[in-house]
């Protein structure tokens, strides 16, 4: 699907509201995510017919699915997951897949910056050590127990969603369809 300023505008408005609310209250309200998802699905159906509706439903499911397991493991809040699903509903499947990668990368950079700013070198080394143990042995319990202390890297993830999604929009605009 080609770049559509109306669809991008809907997404931008939703992102901006989510960002403000998440920074202010550390949560993204259900009213926003559900409304945004419904508008996105309706917009996909109106603009592109049945195939557009299916593309946007798949985008919503992909946004939900990609972030659901990390949510279960405590990496994201429920509002963050629902916001990614809503973005998928607005922007469609191909966008949300690329966007998820960019959002995760942006979130990682922000978290690393916060940890480093708070002089958390030892924690970073410890996390990478445990991540490598998990990678080679599959012992998720040891790795996840270290993530319970979020004091050094916690931040409203709406910031990463906002920056990452705008960056993905820019990359889509600069490079064509994703």
N, C-alpha and C. Protein backbone atom coordinates (compact mmCIF):
# COMPACT_ATOMS: atom_id res chain seq x y z
N UNK A 1 0.84 -1.18 0.00
CA UNK A 1 0.00 0.00 0.00
C UNK A 1 0.88 1.24 0.00
N UNK A 2 0.45 2.24 -0.69
CA UNK A 2 1.26 3.45 -0.80
C UNK A 2 1.08 4.33 0.44
N UNK A 3 1.92 5.34 0.52
CA UNK A 3 1.88 6.25 1.67
C UNK A 3 0.61 7.08 1.59
N UNK A 4 -0.10 7.15 2.67
CA UNK A 4 -1.39 7.82 2.76
C UNK A 4 -1.33 8.80 3.93
N UNK A 5 -1.36 10.08 3.62
CA UNK A 5 -1.22 11.09 4.67
C UNK A 5 -2.37 11.06 5.67
N UNK A 6 -3.56 10.69 5.21
CA UNK A 6 -4.70 10.59 6.12
C UNK A 6 -4.44 9.50 7.17
N UNK A 7 -4.02 8.33 6.71
CA UNK A 7 -3.74 7.22 7.62
C UNK A 7 -2.58 7.57 8.55
N UNK A 8 -1.54 8.18 8.00
CA UNK A 8 -0.40 8.58 8.82
C UNK A 8 -0.83 9.64 9.84
N UNK A 9 -1.74 10.53 9.44
CA UNK A 9 -2.25 11.55 10.36
C UNK A 9 -3.02 10.94 11.52
N UNK A 10 -3.87 9.95 11.22
CA UNK A 10 -4.60 9.24 12.28
C UNK A 10 -3.61 8.63 13.26
N UNK A 11 -2.61 7.96 12.72
CA UNK A 11 -1.61 7.29 13.56
C UNK A 11 -0.84 8.32 14.39
N UNK A 12 -0.45 9.43 13.78
CA UNK A 12 0.31 10.46 14.49
C UNK A 12 -0.49 11.04 15.65
N UNK A 13 -1.77 11.31 15.41
CA UNK A 13 -2.61 11.85 16.49
C UNK A 13 -2.70 10.86 17.64
N UNK A 14 -2.94 9.60 17.32
CA UNK A 14 -3.01 8.57 18.36
C UNK A 14 -1.69 8.43 19.11
N UNK A 15 -0.59 8.46 18.37
CA UNK A 15 0.74 8.36 18.99
C UNK A 15 1.01 9.52 19.94
N UNK A 16 0.63 10.71 19.51
CA UNK A 16 0.87 11.91 20.32
C UNK A 16 0.07 11.85 21.63
N UNK A 17 -1.19 11.45 21.53
CA UNK A 17 -2.01 11.33 22.73
C UNK A 17 -1.43 10.26 23.66
N UNK A 18 -1.04 9.13 23.08
CA UNK A 18 -0.46 8.03 23.88
C UNK A 18 0.83 8.48 24.56
N UNK A 19 1.67 9.20 23.83
CA UNK A 19 2.93 9.69 24.40
C UNK A 19 2.67 10.60 25.59
N UNK A 20 1.79 11.57 25.40
CA UNK A 20 1.50 12.53 26.47
C UNK A 20 0.93 11.79 27.69
N UNK A 21 -0.02 10.92 27.45
CA UNK A 21 -0.65 10.20 28.55
C UNK A 21 0.34 9.28 29.26
N UNK A 22 1.19 8.58 28.48
CA UNK A 22 2.14 7.64 29.08
C UNK A 22 3.20 8.36 29.91
N UNK A 23 3.67 9.50 29.42
CA UNK A 23 4.66 10.27 30.18
C UNK A 23 4.01 10.85 31.44
N UNK A 24 2.76 11.26 31.32
CA UNK A 24 2.05 11.89 32.43
C UNK A 24 1.60 10.87 33.48
N UNK A 25 1.00 9.76 33.06
CA UNK A 25 0.38 8.81 33.99
C UNK A 25 1.03 7.42 34.00
N UNK A 26 2.05 7.22 33.18
CA UNK A 26 2.70 5.90 33.05
C UNK A 26 1.72 4.81 32.62
N UNK A 27 0.78 5.17 31.78
CA UNK A 27 -0.15 4.19 31.21
C UNK A 27 -0.75 4.75 29.93
N UNK A 28 -1.20 3.84 29.07
CA UNK A 28 -1.88 4.22 27.84
C UNK A 28 -3.31 3.71 27.97
N UNK A 29 -4.30 4.61 27.94
CA UNK A 29 -5.67 4.20 28.24
C UNK A 29 -6.30 3.31 27.16
N UNK A 30 -7.15 2.40 27.62
CA UNK A 30 -7.87 1.50 26.72
C UNK A 30 -8.75 2.27 25.74
N UNK A 31 -9.35 3.37 26.20
CA UNK A 31 -10.22 4.15 25.32
C UNK A 31 -9.46 4.60 24.08
N UNK A 32 -8.21 4.97 24.26
CA UNK A 32 -7.39 5.40 23.13
C UNK A 32 -7.06 4.23 22.21
N UNK A 33 -6.57 3.14 22.77
CA UNK A 33 -6.11 2.03 21.93
C UNK A 33 -7.28 1.38 21.19
N UNK A 34 -8.40 1.19 21.87
CA UNK A 34 -9.57 0.57 21.22
C UNK A 34 -10.12 1.49 20.14
N UNK A 35 -10.25 2.78 20.45
CA UNK A 35 -10.76 3.75 19.46
C UNK A 35 -9.84 3.82 18.25
N UNK A 36 -8.55 3.88 18.50
CA UNK A 36 -7.58 3.95 17.40
C UNK A 36 -7.65 2.69 16.54
N UNK A 37 -7.76 1.53 17.18
CA UNK A 37 -7.85 0.28 16.43
C UNK A 37 -9.11 0.24 15.57
N UNK A 38 -10.24 0.65 16.13
CA UNK A 38 -11.50 0.64 15.37
C UNK A 38 -11.45 1.61 14.19
N UNK A 39 -10.90 2.79 14.42
CA UNK A 39 -10.76 3.77 13.33
C UNK A 39 -9.82 3.21 12.26
N UNK A 40 -8.74 2.57 12.68
CA UNK A 40 -7.80 1.99 11.72
C UNK A 40 -8.42 0.89 10.89
N UNK A 41 -9.18 0.00 11.52
CA UNK A 41 -9.83 -1.07 10.78
C UNK A 41 -10.88 -0.52 9.81
N UNK A 42 -11.66 0.45 10.28
CA UNK A 42 -12.66 1.07 9.41
C UNK A 42 -12.00 1.78 8.24
N UNK A 43 -10.93 2.51 8.52
CA UNK A 43 -10.20 3.23 7.48
C UNK A 43 -9.63 2.26 6.44
N UNK A 44 -9.06 1.15 6.90
CA UNK A 44 -8.53 0.15 5.98
C UNK A 44 -9.62 -0.41 5.08
N UNK A 45 -10.79 -0.68 5.66
CA UNK A 45 -11.91 -1.23 4.89
C UNK A 45 -12.46 -0.21 3.90
N UNK A 46 -12.59 1.04 4.34
CA UNK A 46 -13.14 2.08 3.47
C UNK A 46 -12.19 2.38 2.32
N UNK A 47 -10.91 2.51 2.60
CA UNK A 47 -9.95 2.89 1.56
C UNK A 47 -9.60 1.75 0.62
N UNK A 48 -9.51 0.52 1.14
CA UNK A 48 -8.98 -0.58 0.34
C UNK A 48 -9.92 -1.77 0.22
N UNK A 49 -11.12 -1.65 0.75
CA UNK A 49 -12.08 -2.74 0.64
C UNK A 49 -11.74 -3.91 1.54
N UNK A 50 -12.23 -5.08 1.14
CA UNK A 50 -12.05 -6.29 1.95
C UNK A 50 -10.57 -6.60 2.17
N UNK A 51 -9.75 -6.47 1.13
CA UNK A 51 -8.32 -6.79 1.27
C UNK A 51 -7.65 -5.83 2.26
N UNK A 52 -8.07 -4.57 2.26
CA UNK A 52 -7.53 -3.60 3.21
C UNK A 52 -7.93 -3.93 4.63
N UNK A 53 -9.18 -4.34 4.80
CA UNK A 53 -9.65 -4.73 6.13
C UNK A 53 -8.84 -5.91 6.66
N UNK A 54 -8.63 -6.92 5.81
CA UNK A 54 -7.86 -8.10 6.21
C UNK A 54 -6.42 -7.71 6.54
N UNK A 55 -5.81 -6.85 5.70
CA UNK A 55 -4.44 -6.39 5.94
C UNK A 55 -4.32 -5.70 7.29
N UNK A 56 -5.32 -4.91 7.64
CA UNK A 56 -5.27 -4.15 8.89
C UNK A 56 -5.61 -5.03 10.11
N UNK A 57 -6.49 -6.01 9.93
CA UNK A 57 -6.73 -6.98 11.01
C UNK A 57 -5.46 -7.77 11.28
N UNK A 58 -4.80 -8.21 10.21
CA UNK A 58 -3.53 -8.94 10.38
C UNK A 58 -2.47 -8.05 11.02
N UNK A 59 -2.47 -6.76 10.68
CA UNK A 59 -1.55 -5.82 11.31
C UNK A 59 -1.81 -5.69 12.80
N UNK A 60 -3.08 -5.64 13.16
CA UNK A 60 -3.44 -5.55 14.58
C UNK A 60 -3.00 -6.82 15.32
N UNK A 61 -3.26 -7.98 14.72
CA UNK A 61 -2.87 -9.24 15.35
C UNK A 61 -1.35 -9.37 15.45
N UNK A 62 -0.64 -8.90 14.43
CA UNK A 62 0.83 -8.95 14.46
C UNK A 62 1.38 -8.03 15.54
N UNK A 63 0.84 -6.81 15.63
CA UNK A 63 1.28 -5.88 16.68
C UNK A 63 1.04 -6.44 18.06
N UNK A 64 -0.10 -7.09 18.23
CA UNK A 64 -0.40 -7.74 19.51
C UNK A 64 0.52 -8.93 19.74
N UNK A 65 0.68 -9.75 18.73
CA UNK A 65 1.46 -10.99 18.88
C UNK A 65 2.94 -10.76 19.13
N UNK A 66 3.52 -9.81 18.44
CA UNK A 66 4.96 -9.55 18.58
C UNK A 66 5.31 -9.09 19.99
N UNK A 67 4.42 -8.32 20.60
CA UNK A 67 4.71 -7.76 21.92
C UNK A 67 4.07 -8.54 23.06
N UNK A 68 3.26 -9.56 22.76
CA UNK A 68 2.52 -10.26 23.81
C UNK A 68 3.42 -11.12 24.69
N UNK A 69 4.30 -11.90 24.11
CA UNK A 69 5.17 -12.76 24.92
C UNK A 69 6.11 -11.92 25.80
N UNK A 70 6.76 -10.88 25.24
CA UNK A 70 7.56 -10.03 26.15
C UNK A 70 6.71 -9.39 27.25
N UNK A 71 5.45 -9.08 26.95
CA UNK A 71 4.55 -8.56 27.98
C UNK A 71 4.36 -9.59 29.09
N UNK A 72 4.12 -10.85 28.70
CA UNK A 72 3.94 -11.91 29.69
C UNK A 72 5.18 -12.08 30.56
N UNK A 73 6.34 -11.78 29.98
CA UNK A 73 7.59 -11.91 30.72
C UNK A 73 7.92 -10.64 31.52
N UNK A 74 7.07 -9.62 31.43
CA UNK A 74 7.26 -8.41 32.21
C UNK A 74 8.05 -7.32 31.53
N UNK A 75 8.32 -7.47 30.23
CA UNK A 75 9.13 -6.48 29.54
C UNK A 75 8.34 -5.23 29.16
N UNK A 76 7.04 -5.37 28.90
CA UNK A 76 6.20 -4.24 28.49
C UNK A 76 4.94 -4.23 29.33
N UNK A 77 4.30 -3.06 29.36
CA UNK A 77 3.00 -2.96 30.00
C UNK A 77 1.90 -3.31 29.01
N UNK A 78 0.71 -3.59 29.53
CA UNK A 78 -0.42 -3.97 28.68
C UNK A 78 -0.79 -2.85 27.71
N UNK A 79 -0.72 -1.61 28.17
CA UNK A 79 -1.04 -0.48 27.29
C UNK A 79 -0.09 -0.38 26.11
N UNK A 80 1.18 -0.69 26.34
CA UNK A 80 2.16 -0.67 25.25
C UNK A 80 1.81 -1.71 24.19
N UNK A 81 1.42 -2.90 24.64
CA UNK A 81 1.06 -3.98 23.72
C UNK A 81 -0.18 -3.59 22.92
N UNK A 82 -1.19 -3.06 23.62
CA UNK A 82 -2.42 -2.66 22.94
C UNK A 82 -2.18 -1.50 21.99
N UNK A 83 -1.26 -0.60 22.34
CA UNK A 83 -0.93 0.50 21.44
C UNK A 83 -0.29 -0.02 20.16
N UNK A 84 0.61 -1.00 20.28
CA UNK A 84 1.22 -1.58 19.08
C UNK A 84 0.18 -2.29 18.23
N UNK A 85 -0.79 -2.94 18.87
CA UNK A 85 -1.89 -3.58 18.12
C UNK A 85 -2.71 -2.51 17.40
N UNK A 86 -2.97 -1.39 18.07
CA UNK A 86 -3.73 -0.31 17.45
C UNK A 86 -2.97 0.30 16.27
N UNK A 87 -1.67 0.47 16.42
CA UNK A 87 -0.86 0.97 15.30
C UNK A 87 -0.93 -0.01 14.14
N UNK A 88 -0.88 -1.30 14.43
CA UNK A 88 -1.02 -2.31 13.38
C UNK A 88 -2.37 -2.22 12.69
N UNK A 89 -3.43 -1.94 13.46
CA UNK A 89 -4.77 -1.79 12.88
C UNK A 89 -4.85 -0.57 11.97
N UNK A 90 -4.16 0.49 12.34
CA UNK A 90 -4.18 1.72 11.53
C UNK A 90 -3.28 1.59 10.30
N UNK A 91 -2.08 1.07 10.48
CA UNK A 91 -1.07 1.11 9.42
C UNK A 91 -0.98 -0.17 8.59
N UNK A 92 -1.44 -1.28 9.09
CA UNK A 92 -1.41 -2.52 8.33
C UNK A 92 -0.24 -3.42 8.68
N UNK A 93 -0.29 -4.63 8.12
CA UNK A 93 0.65 -5.69 8.47
C UNK A 93 2.09 -5.37 8.10
N UNK A 94 2.34 -4.96 6.88
CA UNK A 94 3.74 -4.76 6.47
C UNK A 94 4.40 -3.65 7.29
N UNK A 95 3.64 -2.62 7.62
CA UNK A 95 4.19 -1.53 8.42
C UNK A 95 4.51 -1.99 9.83
N UNK A 96 3.58 -2.70 10.47
CA UNK A 96 3.77 -3.04 11.89
C UNK A 96 4.93 -4.00 12.09
N UNK A 97 5.19 -4.86 11.13
CA UNK A 97 6.32 -5.79 11.28
C UNK A 97 7.63 -5.01 11.31
N UNK A 98 7.82 -4.11 10.34
CA UNK A 98 9.03 -3.28 10.33
C UNK A 98 9.05 -2.35 11.53
N UNK A 99 7.89 -1.77 11.86
CA UNK A 99 7.80 -0.84 12.97
C UNK A 99 8.16 -1.50 14.29
N UNK A 100 7.74 -2.73 14.49
CA UNK A 100 8.05 -3.43 15.74
C UNK A 100 9.55 -3.54 15.94
N UNK A 101 10.27 -3.86 14.88
CA UNK A 101 11.73 -3.96 14.98
C UNK A 101 12.35 -2.61 15.35
N UNK A 102 11.86 -1.55 14.71
CA UNK A 102 12.39 -0.21 14.99
C UNK A 102 12.05 0.22 16.42
N UNK A 103 10.81 -0.01 16.85
CA UNK A 103 10.40 0.37 18.21
C UNK A 103 11.22 -0.38 19.26
N UNK A 104 11.42 -1.67 19.04
CA UNK A 104 12.23 -2.46 19.99
C UNK A 104 13.66 -1.93 20.04
N UNK A 105 14.22 -1.59 18.88
CA UNK A 105 15.59 -1.04 18.84
C UNK A 105 15.66 0.30 19.56
N UNK A 106 14.69 1.17 19.29
CA UNK A 106 14.66 2.48 19.95
C UNK A 106 14.51 2.31 21.46
N UNK A 107 13.63 1.42 21.88
CA UNK A 107 13.45 1.15 23.31
C UNK A 107 14.73 0.63 23.95
N UNK A 108 15.44 -0.23 23.24
CA UNK A 108 16.72 -0.74 23.75
C UNK A 108 17.76 0.34 23.91
N UNK A 109 17.82 1.24 22.93
CA UNK A 109 18.78 2.34 23.00
C UNK A 109 18.44 3.27 24.18
N UNK A 110 17.16 3.58 24.34
CA UNK A 110 16.76 4.44 25.46
C UNK A 110 17.08 3.77 26.80
N UNK A 111 16.74 2.49 26.93
CA UNK A 111 17.00 1.77 28.19
C UNK A 111 18.49 1.71 28.49
N UNK A 112 19.30 1.42 27.46
CA UNK A 112 20.76 1.38 27.66
C UNK A 112 21.28 2.74 28.08
N UNK A 113 20.77 3.78 27.44
CA UNK A 113 21.19 5.13 27.80
C UNK A 113 20.86 5.46 29.25
N UNK A 114 19.66 5.07 29.69
CA UNK A 114 19.28 5.31 31.09
C UNK A 114 20.15 4.52 32.05
N UNK A 115 20.42 3.27 31.71
CA UNK A 115 21.27 2.44 32.58
C UNK A 115 22.67 3.03 32.66
N UNK A 116 23.22 3.40 31.51
CA UNK A 116 24.58 3.96 31.50
C UNK A 116 24.63 5.29 32.24
N UNK A 117 23.59 6.10 32.07
CA UNK A 117 23.53 7.38 32.75
C UNK A 117 23.51 7.21 34.26
N UNK A 118 22.92 6.13 34.69
CA UNK A 118 22.84 5.84 36.13
C UNK A 118 23.98 4.94 36.58
N UNK A 119 25.00 4.88 35.77
CA UNK A 119 26.22 4.13 36.07
C UNK A 119 25.93 2.65 36.33
N UNK A 120 25.14 2.06 35.46
CA UNK A 120 24.77 0.67 35.62
C UNK A 120 25.61 -0.29 34.80
N UNK A 121 26.91 -0.01 34.67
CA UNK A 121 27.81 -0.86 33.87
C UNK A 121 27.76 -2.31 34.34
N UNK A 122 27.81 -2.51 35.65
CA UNK A 122 27.81 -3.86 36.19
C UNK A 122 26.52 -4.60 35.83
N UNK A 123 25.42 -3.88 35.90
CA UNK A 123 24.12 -4.49 35.56
C UNK A 123 24.08 -4.88 34.09
N UNK A 124 24.60 -4.04 33.22
CA UNK A 124 24.62 -4.38 31.78
C UNK A 124 25.45 -5.63 31.55
N UNK A 125 26.61 -5.69 32.16
CA UNK A 125 27.46 -6.88 32.00
C UNK A 125 26.74 -8.12 32.52
N UNK A 126 26.09 -7.98 33.67
CA UNK A 126 25.36 -9.09 34.26
C UNK A 126 24.21 -9.55 33.34
N UNK A 127 23.46 -8.59 32.80
CA UNK A 127 22.35 -8.94 31.91
C UNK A 127 22.85 -9.64 30.65
N UNK A 128 23.93 -9.13 30.06
CA UNK A 128 24.47 -9.78 28.87
C UNK A 128 24.99 -11.18 29.19
N UNK A 129 25.58 -11.35 30.35
CA UNK A 129 26.04 -12.68 30.76
C UNK A 129 24.87 -13.64 30.88
N UNK A 130 23.82 -13.19 31.55
CA UNK A 130 22.65 -14.05 31.70
C UNK A 130 21.94 -14.30 30.38
N UNK A 131 21.91 -13.28 29.53
CA UNK A 131 21.30 -13.46 28.21
C UNK A 131 22.05 -14.51 27.41
N UNK A 132 23.37 -14.51 27.50
CA UNK A 132 24.14 -15.53 26.78
C UNK A 132 23.90 -16.91 27.38
N UNK A 133 23.77 -16.98 28.70
CA UNK A 133 23.45 -18.27 29.33
C UNK A 133 22.09 -18.76 28.83
N UNK A 134 21.11 -17.85 28.79
CA UNK A 134 19.79 -18.24 28.29
C UNK A 134 19.89 -18.68 26.83
N UNK A 135 20.63 -17.95 26.04
CA UNK A 135 20.75 -18.25 24.62
C UNK A 135 21.31 -19.66 24.40
N UNK A 136 22.29 -20.03 25.20
CA UNK A 136 22.94 -21.32 25.00
C UNK A 136 22.27 -22.47 25.76
N UNK A 137 21.57 -22.17 26.86
CA UNK A 137 20.99 -23.26 27.66
C UNK A 137 19.47 -23.26 27.69
N UNK A 138 18.85 -22.13 27.35
CA UNK A 138 17.39 -22.05 27.38
C UNK A 138 16.81 -21.87 28.76
N UNK A 139 17.63 -21.48 29.74
CA UNK A 139 17.15 -21.29 31.11
C UNK A 139 16.58 -19.88 31.28
N UNK A 140 15.31 -19.75 30.94
CA UNK A 140 14.65 -18.46 30.97
C UNK A 140 14.48 -17.94 32.39
N UNK A 141 14.28 -18.80 33.35
CA UNK A 141 14.01 -18.38 34.72
C UNK A 141 15.13 -17.50 35.28
N UNK A 142 16.37 -17.89 35.07
CA UNK A 142 17.50 -17.12 35.58
C UNK A 142 17.56 -15.73 34.94
N UNK A 143 17.30 -15.69 33.64
CA UNK A 143 17.36 -14.41 32.94
C UNK A 143 16.22 -13.49 33.40
N UNK A 144 15.01 -14.03 33.47
CA UNK A 144 13.86 -13.20 33.81
C UNK A 144 13.91 -12.70 35.25
N UNK A 145 14.51 -13.46 36.15
CA UNK A 145 14.59 -13.01 37.54
C UNK A 145 15.42 -11.73 37.66
N UNK A 146 16.35 -11.53 36.74
CA UNK A 146 17.17 -10.32 36.79
C UNK A 146 16.41 -9.11 36.26
N UNK A 147 15.37 -9.33 35.49
CA UNK A 147 14.63 -8.22 34.91
C UNK A 147 13.61 -7.63 35.88
N UNK A 148 13.41 -8.25 37.02
CA UNK A 148 12.42 -7.75 37.98
C UNK A 148 12.80 -6.38 38.52
N UNK A 149 14.11 -6.12 38.65
CA UNK A 149 14.57 -4.81 39.12
C UNK A 149 14.68 -3.89 37.92
N UNK A 150 13.66 -3.05 37.77
CA UNK A 150 13.63 -2.15 36.62
C UNK A 150 14.08 -0.74 36.98
N UNK A 151 14.59 -0.54 38.16
CA UNK A 151 14.88 0.80 38.64
C UNK A 151 15.88 1.54 37.76
N UNK A 152 16.79 0.81 37.11
CA UNK A 152 17.81 1.50 36.33
C UNK A 152 17.39 1.78 34.89
N UNK A 153 16.47 1.01 34.33
CA UNK A 153 16.15 1.18 32.92
C UNK A 153 14.69 1.44 32.63
N UNK A 154 13.87 1.67 33.66
CA UNK A 154 12.44 1.86 33.46
C UNK A 154 12.16 3.25 32.89
N UNK A 155 11.24 3.29 31.94
CA UNK A 155 10.78 4.55 31.37
C UNK A 155 9.44 4.29 30.70
N UNK A 156 8.63 5.34 30.47
CA UNK A 156 7.36 5.13 29.78
C UNK A 156 7.64 4.68 28.34
N UNK A 157 7.24 3.46 28.00
CA UNK A 157 7.59 2.89 26.70
C UNK A 157 6.89 3.60 25.55
N UNK A 158 5.88 4.42 25.88
CA UNK A 158 5.24 5.23 24.85
C UNK A 158 6.23 6.14 24.13
N UNK A 159 7.31 6.50 24.81
CA UNK A 159 8.37 7.31 24.18
C UNK A 159 9.01 6.53 23.04
N UNK A 160 9.36 5.27 23.29
CA UNK A 160 9.98 4.44 22.25
C UNK A 160 8.99 4.15 21.13
N UNK A 161 7.72 3.93 21.48
CA UNK A 161 6.70 3.68 20.46
C UNK A 161 6.55 4.90 19.57
N UNK A 162 6.51 6.08 20.17
CA UNK A 162 6.36 7.33 19.42
C UNK A 162 7.55 7.55 18.48
N UNK A 163 8.75 7.52 19.03
CA UNK A 163 9.95 7.77 18.22
C UNK A 163 10.11 6.68 17.16
N UNK A 164 9.96 5.43 17.55
CA UNK A 164 10.13 4.32 16.61
C UNK A 164 9.13 4.35 15.48
N UNK A 165 7.88 4.67 15.78
CA UNK A 165 6.85 4.71 14.74
C UNK A 165 7.08 5.89 13.80
N UNK A 166 7.44 7.04 14.34
CA UNK A 166 7.74 8.18 13.45
C UNK A 166 8.95 7.87 12.58
N UNK A 167 9.95 7.22 13.15
CA UNK A 167 11.13 6.83 12.37
C UNK A 167 10.74 5.84 11.27
N UNK A 168 9.87 4.90 11.57
CA UNK A 168 9.41 3.95 10.56
C UNK A 168 8.62 4.66 9.47
N UNK A 169 7.79 5.63 9.85
CA UNK A 169 7.06 6.42 8.85
C UNK A 169 8.03 7.15 7.94
N UNK A 170 9.05 7.74 8.54
CA UNK A 170 10.06 8.44 7.74
C UNK A 170 10.76 7.48 6.80
N UNK A 171 11.17 6.33 7.30
CA UNK A 171 11.85 5.34 6.46
C UNK A 171 10.94 4.85 5.34
N UNK A 172 9.66 4.71 5.64
CA UNK A 172 8.69 4.31 4.61
C UNK A 172 8.60 5.40 3.54
N UNK A 173 8.56 6.65 3.98
CA UNK A 173 8.48 7.77 3.06
C UNK A 173 9.76 7.89 2.22
N UNK A 174 10.90 7.76 2.87
CA UNK A 174 12.18 7.92 2.17
C UNK A 174 12.50 6.75 1.25
N UNK A 175 12.08 5.55 1.65
CA UNK A 175 12.48 4.38 0.88
C UNK A 175 11.36 3.67 0.16
N UNK A 176 10.15 4.19 0.22
CA UNK A 176 9.03 3.50 -0.42
C UNK A 176 8.35 2.55 0.54
N UNK A 177 7.57 1.65 -0.02
CA UNK A 177 6.82 0.69 0.79
C UNK A 177 7.75 -0.20 1.59
N UNK A 178 7.32 -0.53 2.80
CA UNK A 178 8.10 -1.42 3.66
C UNK A 178 7.78 -2.86 3.36
